[in-house]
Amino acid sequence: MPKITILPANVSAEVEAGENLIEAGEQAGVEMEAGCFNCSCGTCVCEVVSGMENITEPTPEELDVLDAWNRDPEKYRLTCCNKILRGEVVLRQIH
């Protein structure tokens, strides 16, 4: 079963494969910041500390938003439009 850990709170939860990252973080007990919930505002951006290979690939829309916020998609992702597929993902909230 996939696992998500949210920093700096350092809390974790096992979640179902295919769970949206923002919902997975809330299952771990962290109120995740988000604005639009449709991959357009960038409010939900988090640093992926580890496990990038365990989440969905970025869409062109997400890449545009990350570019607008000057965030490297190799290190940062939007939690509202990505899912955890397998393994462990460690995110750091930056807001």
PDB file of N, CA and C in Angstrom:
ATOM      1  N   MET A   1       0.846  -1.175   0.000  1.00  0.00           N
ATOM      2  CA  MET A   1       0.000   0.000   0.000  1.00  0.00           C
ATOM      3  C   MET A   1       0.892   1.239   0.000  1.00  0.00           C
ATOM      4  N   PRO A   2       0.589   2.234  -0.839  1.00  0.00           N
ATOM      5  CA  PRO A   2       1.384   3.456  -0.876  1.00  0.00           C
ATOM      6  C   PRO A   2       1.362   4.201   0.462  1.00  0.00           C
ATOM      7  N   LYS A   3       2.395   4.997   0.676  1.00  0.00           N
ATOM      8  CA  LYS A   3       2.516   5.758   1.918  1.00  0.00           C
ATOM      9  C   LYS A   3       2.919   7.185   1.580  1.00  0.00           C
ATOM     10  N   ILE A   4       2.314   8.149   2.269  1.00  0.00           N
ATOM     11  CA  ILE A   4       2.683   9.552   2.106  1.00  0.00           C
ATOM     12  C   ILE A   4       3.164  10.092   3.440  1.00  0.00           C
ATOM     13  N   THR A   5       4.192  10.909   3.386  1.00  0.00           N
ATOM     14  CA  THR A   5       4.700  11.614   4.561  1.00  0.00           C
ATOM     15  C   THR A   5       4.734  13.094   4.226  1.00  0.00           C
ATOM     16  N   ILE A   6       4.240  13.908   5.149  1.00  0.00           N
ATOM     17  CA  ILE A   6       4.193  15.352   4.959  1.00  0.00           C
ATOM     18  C   ILE A   6       5.122  16.022   5.960  1.00  0.00           C
ATOM     19  N   LEU A   7       6.057  16.807   5.427  1.00  0.00           N
ATOM     20  CA  LEU A   7       6.976  17.592   6.240  1.00  0.00           C
ATOM     21  C   LEU A   7       6.532  19.052   6.199  1.00  0.00           C
ATOM     22  N   PRO A   8       6.799  19.887   7.135  1.00  0.00           N
ATOM     23  CA  PRO A   8       7.601  19.647   8.316  1.00  0.00           C
ATOM     24  C   PRO A   8       6.846  18.993   9.464  1.00  0.00           C
ATOM     25  N   ALA A   9       5.555  18.704   9.277  1.00  0.00           N
ATOM     26  CA  ALA A   9       4.782  18.076  10.355  1.00  0.00           C
ATOM     27  C   ALA A   9       5.308  16.681  10.693  1.00  0.00           C
ATOM     28  N   ASN A  10       5.961  16.040   9.706  1.00  0.00           N
ATOM     29  CA  ASN A  10       6.509  14.693   9.863  1.00  0.00           C
ATOM     30  C   ASN A  10       5.439  13.678  10.274  1.00  0.00           C
ATOM     31  N   VAL A  11       4.335  13.704   9.534  1.00  0.00           N
ATOM     32  CA  VAL A  11       3.260  12.737   9.755  1.00  0.00           C
ATOM     33  C   VAL A  11       3.090  11.910   8.491  1.00  0.00           C
ATOM     34  N   SER A  12       2.663  10.663   8.668  1.00  0.00           N
ATOM     35  CA  SER A  12       2.530   9.734   7.548  1.00  0.00           C
ATOM     36  C   SER A  12       1.199   9.019   7.589  1.00  0.00           C
ATOM     37  N   ALA A  13       0.817   8.492   6.434  1.00  0.00           N
ATOM     38  CA  ALA A  13      -0.378   7.663   6.346  1.00  0.00           C
ATOM     39  C   ALA A  13      -0.242   6.722   5.163  1.00  0.00           C
ATOM     40  N   GLU A  14      -0.766   5.523   5.318  1.00  0.00           N
ATOM     41  CA  GLU A  14      -0.899   4.618   4.186  1.00  0.00           C
ATOM     42  C   GLU A  14      -2.189   4.990   3.479  1.00  0.00           C
ATOM     43  N   VAL A  15      -2.137   5.021   2.148  1.00  0.00           N
ATOM     44  CA  VAL A  15      -3.294   5.435   1.351  1.00  0.00           C
ATOM     45  C   VAL A  15      -3.490   4.464   0.196  1.00  0.00           C
ATOM     46  N   GLU A  16      -4.639   4.521  -0.400  1.00  0.00           N
ATOM     47  CA  GLU A  16      -4.936   3.693  -1.562  1.00  0.00           C
ATOM     48  C   GLU A  16      -4.158   4.183  -2.773  1.00  0.00           C
ATOM     49  N   ALA A  17      -3.711   3.266  -3.618  1.00  0.00           N
ATOM     50  CA  ALA A  17      -3.087   3.641  -4.885  1.00  0.00           C
ATOM     51  C   ALA A  17      -4.098   4.449  -5.696  1.00  0.00           C
ATOM     52  N   GLY A  18      -3.638   5.511  -6.307  1.00  0.00           N
ATOM     53  CA  GLY A  18      -4.510   6.379  -7.085  1.00  0.00           C
ATOM     54  C   GLY A  18      -5.103   7.521  -6.283  1.00  0.00           C
ATOM     55  N   GLU A  19      -4.747   7.617  -5.011  1.00  0.00           N
ATOM     56  CA  GLU A  19      -5.262   8.696  -4.163  1.00  0.00           C
ATOM     57  C   GLU A  19      -4.619  10.018  -4.579  1.00  0.00           C
ATOM     58  N   ASN A  20      -5.435  11.046  -4.667  1.00  0.00           N
ATOM     59  CA  ASN A  20      -4.958  12.388  -4.957  1.00  0.00           C
ATOM     60  C   ASN A  20      -4.016  12.836  -3.834  1.00  0.00           C
ATOM     61  N   LEU A  21      -2.900  13.502  -4.167  1.00  0.00           N
ATOM     62  CA  LEU A  21      -1.916  13.883  -3.155  1.00  0.00           C
ATOM     63  C   LEU A  21      -2.486  14.791  -2.074  1.00  0.00           C
ATOM     64  N   ILE A  22      -3.363  15.699  -2.453  1.00  0.00           N
ATOM     65  CA  ILE A  22      -3.925  16.601  -1.448  1.00  0.00           C
ATOM     66  C   ILE A  22      -4.807  15.831  -0.465  1.00  0.00           C
ATOM     67  N   GLU A  23      -5.559  14.871  -0.969  1.00  0.00           N
ATOM     68  CA  GLU A  23      -6.400  14.044  -0.100  1.00  0.00           C
ATOM     69  C   GLU A  23      -5.547  13.099   0.740  1.00  0.00           C
ATOM     70  N   ALA A  24      -4.469  12.601   0.173  1.00  0.00           N
ATOM     71  CA  ALA A  24      -3.564  11.719   0.919  1.00  0.00           C
ATOM     72  C   ALA A  24      -2.928  12.477   2.083  1.00  0.00           C
ATOM     73  N   GLY A  25      -2.524  13.717   1.843  1.00  0.00           N
ATOM     74  CA  GLY A  25      -1.960  14.535   2.907  1.00  0.00           C
ATOM     75  C   GLY A  25      -2.960  14.780   4.023  1.00  0.00           C
ATOM     76  N   GLU A  26      -4.202  14.996   3.655  1.00  0.00           N
ATOM     77  CA  GLU A  26      -5.234  15.204   4.669  1.00  0.00           C
ATOM     78  C   GLU A  26      -5.500  13.922   5.444  1.00  0.00           C
ATOM     79  N   GLN A  27      -5.373  12.766   4.789  1.00  0.00           N
ATOM     80  CA  GLN A  27      -5.503  11.502   5.511  1.00  0.00           C
ATOM     81  C   GLN A  27      -4.384  11.333   6.528  1.00  0.00           C
ATOM     82  N   ALA A  28      -3.234  11.964   6.257  1.00  0.00           N
ATOM     83  CA  ALA A  28      -2.122  11.919   7.208  1.00  0.00           C
ATOM     84  C   ALA A  28      -2.322  12.911   8.347  1.00  0.00           C
ATOM     85  N   GLY A  29      -3.380  13.709   8.257  1.00  0.00           N
ATOM     86  CA  GLY A  29      -3.697  14.643   9.329  1.00  0.00           C
ATOM     87  C   GLY A  29      -3.206  16.057   9.108  1.00  0.00           C
ATOM     88  N   VAL A  30      -2.842  16.389   7.873  1.00  0.00           N
ATOM     89  CA  VAL A  30      -2.345  17.722   7.562  1.00  0.00           C
ATOM     90  C   VAL A  30      -3.357  18.446   6.688  1.00  0.00           C
ATOM     91  N   GLU A  31      -3.703  19.664   7.090  1.00  0.00           N
ATOM     92  CA  GLU A  31      -4.578  20.476   6.252  1.00  0.00           C
ATOM     93  C   GLU A  31      -3.731  21.015   5.107  1.00  0.00           C
ATOM     94  N   MET A  32      -4.005  20.538   3.916  1.00  0.00           N
ATOM     95  CA  MET A  32      -3.228  20.899   2.740  1.00  0.00           C
ATOM     96  C   MET A  32      -3.822  22.148   2.099  1.00  0.00           C
ATOM     97  N   GLU A  33      -2.964  23.107   1.766  1.00  0.00           N
ATOM     98  CA  GLU A  33      -3.418  24.342   1.150  1.00  0.00           C
ATOM     99  C   GLU A  33      -3.732  24.111  -0.324  1.00  0.00           C
ATOM    100  N   ALA A  34      -4.835  24.670  -0.764  1.00  0.00           N
ATOM    101  CA  ALA A  34      -5.221  24.588  -2.174  1.00  0.00           C
ATOM    102  C   ALA A  34      -6.203  25.709  -2.478  1.00  0.00           C
ATOM    103  N   GLY A  35      -6.232  26.105  -3.729  1.00  0.00           N
ATOM    104  CA  GLY A  35      -7.142  27.166  -4.133  1.00  0.00           C
ATOM    105  C   GLY A  35      -8.152  26.698  -5.156  1.00  0.00           C
ATOM    106  N   CYS A  36      -7.671  26.286  -6.324  1.00  0.00           N
ATOM    107  CA  CYS A  36      -8.559  26.004  -7.448  1.00  0.00           C
ATOM    108  C   CYS A  36      -8.999  24.550  -7.553  1.00  0.00           C
ATOM    109  N   PHE A  37      -8.191  23.622  -7.096  1.00  0.00           N
ATOM    110  CA  PHE A  37      -8.435  22.182  -7.221  1.00  0.00           C
ATOM    111  C   PHE A  37      -8.521  21.704  -8.665  1.00  0.00           C
ATOM    112  N   ASN A  38      -7.974  22.491  -9.618  1.00  0.00           N
ATOM    113  CA  ASN A  38      -7.997  22.036 -11.014  1.00  0.00           C
ATOM    114  C   ASN A  38      -6.701  22.352 -11.749  1.00  0.00           C
ATOM    115  N   CYS A  39      -5.596  22.442 -11.003  1.00  0.00           N
ATOM    116  CA  CYS A  39      -4.276  22.560 -11.613  1.00  0.00           C
ATOM    117  C   CYS A  39      -4.090  23.870 -12.380  1.00  0.00           C
ATOM    118  N   SER A  40      -4.586  24.972 -11.805  1.00  0.00           N
ATOM    119  CA  SER A  40      -4.414  26.222 -12.522  1.00  0.00           C
ATOM    120  C   SER A  40      -3.871  27.383 -11.693  1.00  0.00           C
ATOM    121  N   CYS A  41      -3.892  27.304 -10.345  1.00  0.00           N
ATOM    122  CA  CYS A  41      -3.474  28.471  -9.565  1.00  0.00           C
ATOM    123  C   CYS A  41      -2.104  28.336  -8.922  1.00  0.00           C
ATOM    124  N   GLY A  42      -1.646  27.132  -8.609  1.00  0.00           N
ATOM    125  CA  GLY A  42      -0.342  26.929  -8.005  1.00  0.00           C
ATOM    126  C   GLY A  42      -0.301  27.024  -6.496  1.00  0.00           C
ATOM    127  N   THR A  43      -1.431  27.269  -5.867  1.00  0.00           N
ATOM    128  CA  THR A  43      -1.474  27.408  -4.409  1.00  0.00           C
ATOM    129  C   THR A  43      -1.030  26.142  -3.694  1.00  0.00           C
ATOM    130  N   CYS A  44      -1.268  24.996  -4.270  1.00  0.00           N
ATOM    131  CA  CYS A  44      -1.013  23.716  -3.609  1.00  0.00           C
ATOM    132  C   CYS A  44       0.383  23.152  -3.871  1.00  0.00           C
ATOM    133  N   VAL A  45       1.283  23.949  -4.413  1.00  0.00           N
ATOM    134  CA  VAL A  45       2.617  23.452  -4.753  1.00  0.00           C
ATOM    135  C   VAL A  45       3.340  22.947  -3.510  1.00  0.00           C
ATOM    136  N   CYS A  46       3.984  21.792  -3.643  1.00  0.00           N
ATOM    137  CA  CYS A  46       4.797  21.199  -2.581  1.00  0.00           C
ATOM    138  C   CYS A  46       6.107  20.711  -3.187  1.00  0.00           C
ATOM    139  N   GLU A  47       7.123  20.675  -2.353  1.00  0.00           N
ATOM    140  CA  GLU A  47       8.394  20.087  -2.763  1.00  0.00           C
ATOM    141  C   GLU A  47       8.301  18.577  -2.603  1.00  0.00           C
ATOM    142  N   VAL A  48       8.716  17.844  -3.614  1.00  0.00           N
ATOM    143  CA  VAL A  48       8.771  16.389  -3.517  1.00  0.00           C
ATOM    144  C   VAL A  48      10.181  16.038  -3.037  1.00  0.00           C
ATOM    145  N   VAL A  49      10.274  15.679  -1.757  1.00  0.00           N
ATOM    146  CA  VAL A  49      11.565  15.356  -1.146  1.00  0.00           C
ATOM    147  C   VAL A  49      12.066  14.012  -1.657  1.00  0.00           C
ATOM    148  N   SER A  50      11.155  13.057  -1.776  1.00  0.00           N
ATOM    149  CA  SER A  50      11.493  11.755  -2.347  1.00  0.00           C
ATOM    150  C   SER A  50      10.228  11.094  -2.875  1.00  0.00           C
ATOM    151  N   GLY A  51      10.418  10.192  -3.822  1.00  0.00           N
ATOM    152  CA  GLY A  51       9.304   9.432  -4.368  1.00  0.00           C
ATOM    153  C   GLY A  51       8.664  10.022  -5.606  1.00  0.00           C
ATOM    154  N   MET A  52       9.360  10.915  -6.296  1.00  0.00           N
ATOM    155  CA  MET A  52       8.802  11.517  -7.510  1.00  0.00           C
ATOM    156  C   MET A  52       8.367  10.432  -8.498  1.00  0.00           C
ATOM    157  N   GLU A  53       9.111   9.326  -8.532  1.00  0.00           N
ATOM    158  CA  GLU A  53       8.785   8.238  -9.456  1.00  0.00           C
ATOM    159  C   GLU A  53       7.490   7.521  -9.077  1.00  0.00           C
ATOM    160  N   ASN A  54       6.958   7.810  -7.904  1.00  0.00           N
ATOM    161  CA  ASN A  54       5.751   7.134  -7.416  1.00  0.00           C
ATOM    162  C   ASN A  54       4.476   7.937  -7.607  1.00  0.00           C
ATOM    163  N   ILE A  55       4.581   9.088  -8.305  1.00  0.00           N
ATOM    164  CA  ILE A  55       3.387   9.883  -8.574  1.00  0.00           C
ATOM    165  C   ILE A  55       3.184  10.042 -10.075  1.00  0.00           C
ATOM    166  N   THR A  56       2.018  10.516 -10.449  1.00  0.00           N
ATOM    167  CA  THR A  56       1.678  10.671 -11.859  1.00  0.00           C
ATOM    168  C   THR A  56       2.601  11.675 -12.546  1.00  0.00           C
ATOM    169  N   GLU A  57       2.717  11.527 -13.842  1.00  0.00           N
ATOM    170  CA  GLU A  57       3.530  12.440 -14.654  1.00  0.00           C
ATOM    171  C   GLU A  57       2.844  13.805 -14.739  1.00  0.00           C
ATOM    172  N   PRO A  58       3.623  14.871 -14.852  1.00  0.00           N
ATOM    173  CA  PRO A  58       3.007  16.198 -14.953  1.00  0.00           C
ATOM    174  C   PRO A  58       2.290  16.385 -16.281  1.00  0.00           C
ATOM    175  N   THR A  59       1.183  17.084 -16.222  1.00  0.00           N
ATOM    176  CA  THR A  59       0.441  17.424 -17.436  1.00  0.00           C
ATOM    177  C   THR A  59       1.006  18.738 -17.988  1.00  0.00           C
ATOM    178  N   PRO A  60       0.721  19.053 -19.240  1.00  0.00           N
ATOM    179  CA  PRO A  60       1.158  20.342 -19.779  1.00  0.00           C
ATOM    180  C   PRO A  60       0.625  21.520 -18.953  1.00  0.00           C
ATOM    181  N   GLU A  61      -0.611  21.419 -18.455  1.00  0.00           N
ATOM    182  CA  GLU A  61      -1.199  22.478 -17.636  1.00  0.00           C
ATOM    183  C   GLU A  61      -0.408  22.675 -16.339  1.00  0.00           C
ATOM    184  N   GLU A  62      -0.038  21.557 -15.695  1.00  0.00           N
ATOM    185  CA  GLU A  62       0.739  21.652 -14.465  1.00  0.00           C
ATOM    186  C   GLU A  62       2.105  22.267 -14.746  1.00  0.00           C
ATOM    187  N   LEU A  63       2.739  21.860 -15.825  1.00  0.00           N
ATOM    188  CA  LEU A  63       4.048  22.410 -16.177  1.00  0.00           C
ATOM    189  C   LEU A  63       3.966  23.918 -16.408  1.00  0.00           C
ATOM    190  N   ASP A  64       2.881  24.384 -17.013  1.00  0.00           N
ATOM    191  CA  ASP A  64       2.694  25.822 -17.228  1.00  0.00           C
ATOM    192  C   ASP A  64       2.591  26.563 -15.903  1.00  0.00           C
ATOM    193  N   VAL A  65       1.839  26.008 -14.957  1.00  0.00           N
ATOM    194  CA  VAL A  65       1.669  26.645 -13.647  1.00  0.00           C
ATOM    195  C   VAL A  65       2.992  26.656 -12.897  1.00  0.00           C
ATOM    196  N   LEU A  66       3.696  25.542 -12.888  1.00  0.00           N
ATOM    197  CA  LEU A  66       4.988  25.489 -12.206  1.00  0.00           C
ATOM    198  C   LEU A  66       5.970  26.481 -12.824  1.00  0.00           C
ATOM    199  N   ASP A  67       5.946  26.604 -14.137  1.00  0.00           N
ATOM    200  CA  ASP A  67       6.812  27.568 -14.818  1.00  0.00           C
ATOM    201  C   ASP A  67       6.458  28.994 -14.406  1.00  0.00           C
ATOM    202  N   ALA A  68       5.182  29.299 -14.317  1.00  0.00           N
ATOM    203  CA  ALA A  68       4.744  30.640 -13.913  1.00  0.00           C
ATOM    204  C   ALA A  68       5.214  30.985 -12.500  1.00  0.00           C
ATOM    205  N   TRP A  69       5.342  29.979 -11.636  1.00  0.00           N
ATOM    206  CA  TRP A  69       5.788  30.172 -10.257  1.00  0.00           C
ATOM    207  C   TRP A  69       7.297  29.948 -10.108  1.00  0.00           C
ATOM    208  N   ASN A  70       7.990  29.758 -11.244  1.00  0.00           N
ATOM    209  CA  ASN A  70       9.439  29.493 -11.232  1.00  0.00           C
ATOM    210  C   ASN A  70       9.795  28.302 -10.347  1.00  0.00           C
ATOM    211  N   ARG A  71       9.028  27.226 -10.476  1.00  0.00           N
ATOM    212  CA  ARG A  71       9.273  25.995  -9.721  1.00  0.00           C
ATOM    213  C   ARG A  71       9.701  24.899 -10.686  1.00  0.00           C
ATOM    214  N   ASP A  72      10.796  24.247 -10.359  1.00  0.00           N
ATOM    215  CA  ASP A  72      11.344  23.164 -11.165  1.00  0.00           C
ATOM    216  C   ASP A  72      10.458  21.921 -11.018  1.00  0.00           C
ATOM    217  N   PRO A  73       9.886  21.412 -12.111  1.00  0.00           N
ATOM    218  CA  PRO A  73       9.020  20.232 -12.019  1.00  0.00           C
ATOM    219  C   PRO A  73       9.763  18.957 -11.624  1.00  0.00           C
ATOM    220  N   GLU A  74      11.081  19.012 -11.588  1.00  0.00           N
ATOM    221  CA  GLU A  74      11.863  17.876 -11.099  1.00  0.00           C
ATOM    222  C   GLU A  74      11.873  17.847  -9.571  1.00  0.00           C
ATOM    223  N   LYS A  75      11.461  18.955  -8.928  1.00  0.00           N
ATOM    224  CA  LYS A  75      11.474  19.060  -7.468  1.00  0.00           C
ATOM    225  C   LYS A  75      10.119  19.423  -6.865  1.00  0.00           C
ATOM    226  N   TYR A  76       9.258  20.058  -7.635  1.00  0.00           N
ATOM    227  CA  TYR A  76       7.988  20.564  -7.116  1.00  0.00           C
ATOM    228  C   TYR A  76       6.828  20.036  -7.941  1.00  0.00           C
ATOM    229  N   ARG A  77       5.709  19.799  -7.270  1.00  0.00           N
ATOM    230  CA  ARG A  77       4.499  19.347  -7.971  1.00  0.00           C
ATOM    231  C   ARG A  77       3.282  19.961  -7.307  1.00  0.00           C
ATOM    232  N   LEU A  78       2.190  19.975  -8.043  1.00  0.00           N
ATOM    233  CA  LEU A  78       0.919  20.465  -7.521  1.00  0.00           C
ATOM    234  C   LEU A  78       0.155  19.284  -6.929  1.00  0.00           C
ATOM    235  N   THR A  79      -0.266  19.416  -5.679  1.00  0.00           N
ATOM    236  CA  THR A  79      -0.905  18.286  -5.009  1.00  0.00           C
ATOM    237  C   THR A  79      -2.351  18.076  -5.430  1.00  0.00           C
ATOM    238  N   CYS A  80      -2.979  19.098  -6.029  1.00  0.00           N
ATOM    239  CA  CYS A  80      -4.394  18.945  -6.390  1.00  0.00           C
ATOM    240  C   CYS A  80      -4.594  18.106  -7.647  1.00  0.00           C
ATOM    241  N   CYS A  81      -3.549  17.962  -8.463  1.00  0.00           N
ATOM    242  CA  CYS A  81      -3.760  17.279  -9.747  1.00  0.00           C
ATOM    243  C   CYS A  81      -2.830  16.090  -9.952  1.00  0.00           C
ATOM    244  N   ASN A  82      -2.247  15.587  -8.880  1.00  0.00           N
ATOM    245  CA  ASN A  82      -1.387  14.406  -8.986  1.00  0.00           C
ATOM    246  C   ASN A  82      -1.829  13.336  -8.014  1.00  0.00           C
ATOM    247  N   LYS A  83      -1.527  12.108  -8.363  1.00  0.00           N
ATOM    248  CA  LYS A  83      -1.929  10.963  -7.542  1.00  0.00           C
ATOM    249  C   LYS A  83      -0.710  10.143  -7.163  1.00  0.00           C
ATOM    250  N   ILE A  84      -0.792   9.513  -6.006  1.00  0.00           N
ATOM    251  CA  ILE A  84       0.243   8.583  -5.583  1.00  0.00           C
ATOM    252  C   ILE A  84      -0.101   7.224  -6.190  1.00  0.00           C
ATOM    253  N   LEU A  85       0.850   6.637  -6.880  1.00  0.00           N
ATOM    254  CA  LEU A  85       0.605   5.375  -7.583  1.00  0.00           C
ATOM    255  C   LEU A  85       1.097   4.158  -6.811  1.00  0.00           C
ATOM    256  N   ARG A  86       2.221   4.323  -6.113  1.00  0.00           N
ATOM    257  CA  ARG A  86       2.856   3.189  -5.426  1.00  0.00           C
ATOM    258  C   ARG A  86       3.924   3.736  -4.486  1.00  0.00           C
ATOM    259  N   GLY A  87       4.491   2.861  -3.681  1.00  0.00           N
ATOM    260  CA  GLY A  87       5.649   3.215  -2.865  1.00  0.00           C
ATOM    261  C   GLY A  87       5.398   4.325  -1.870  1.00  0.00           C
ATOM    262  N   GLU A  88       6.471   5.047  -1.566  1.00  0.00           N
ATOM    263  CA  GLU A  88       6.397   6.129  -0.584  1.00  0.00           C
ATOM    264  C   GLU A  88       6.716   7.467  -1.240  1.00  0.00           C
ATOM    265  N   VAL A  89       5.967   8.480  -0.857  1.00  0.00           N
ATOM    266  CA  VAL A  89       6.180   9.841  -1.318  1.00  0.00           C
ATOM    267  C   VAL A  89       6.326  10.725  -0.093  1.00  0.00           C
ATOM    268  N   VAL A  90       7.382  11.543  -0.089  1.00  0.00           N
ATOM    269  CA  VAL A  90       7.605  12.490   0.991  1.00  0.00           C
ATOM    270  C   VAL A  90       7.493  13.891   0.400  1.00  0.00           C
ATOM    271  N   LEU A  91       6.540  14.676   0.939  1.00  0.00           N
ATOM    272  CA  LEU A  91       6.306  16.041   0.475  1.00  0.00           C
ATOM    273  C   LEU A  91       6.655  17.030   1.577  1.00  0.00           C
ATOM    274  N   ARG A  92       7.150  18.200   1.162  1.00  0.00           N
ATOM    275  CA  ARG A  92       7.372  19.294   2.115  1.00  0.00           C
ATOM    276  C   ARG A  92       6.463  20.446   1.708  1.00  0.00           C
ATOM    277  N   GLN A  93       5.585  20.835   2.628  1.00  0.00           N
ATOM    278  CA  GLN A  93       4.735  21.996   2.377  1.00  0.00           C
ATOM    279  C   GLN A  93       5.611  23.238   2.395  1.00  0.00           C
ATOM    280  N   ILE A  94       5.373  24.142   1.467  1.00  0.00           N
ATOM    281  CA  ILE A  94       6.212  25.325   1.390  1.00  0.00           C
ATOM    282  C   ILE A  94       5.460  26.603   1.679  1.00  0.00           C
ATOM    283  N   HIS A  95       4.189  26.539   1.972  1.00  0.00           N
ATOM    284  CA  HIS A  95       3.412  27.750   2.311  1.00  0.00           C
ATOM    285  C   HIS A  95       3.294  27.873   3.795  1.00  0.00           C
TER     286      HIS A  95
END
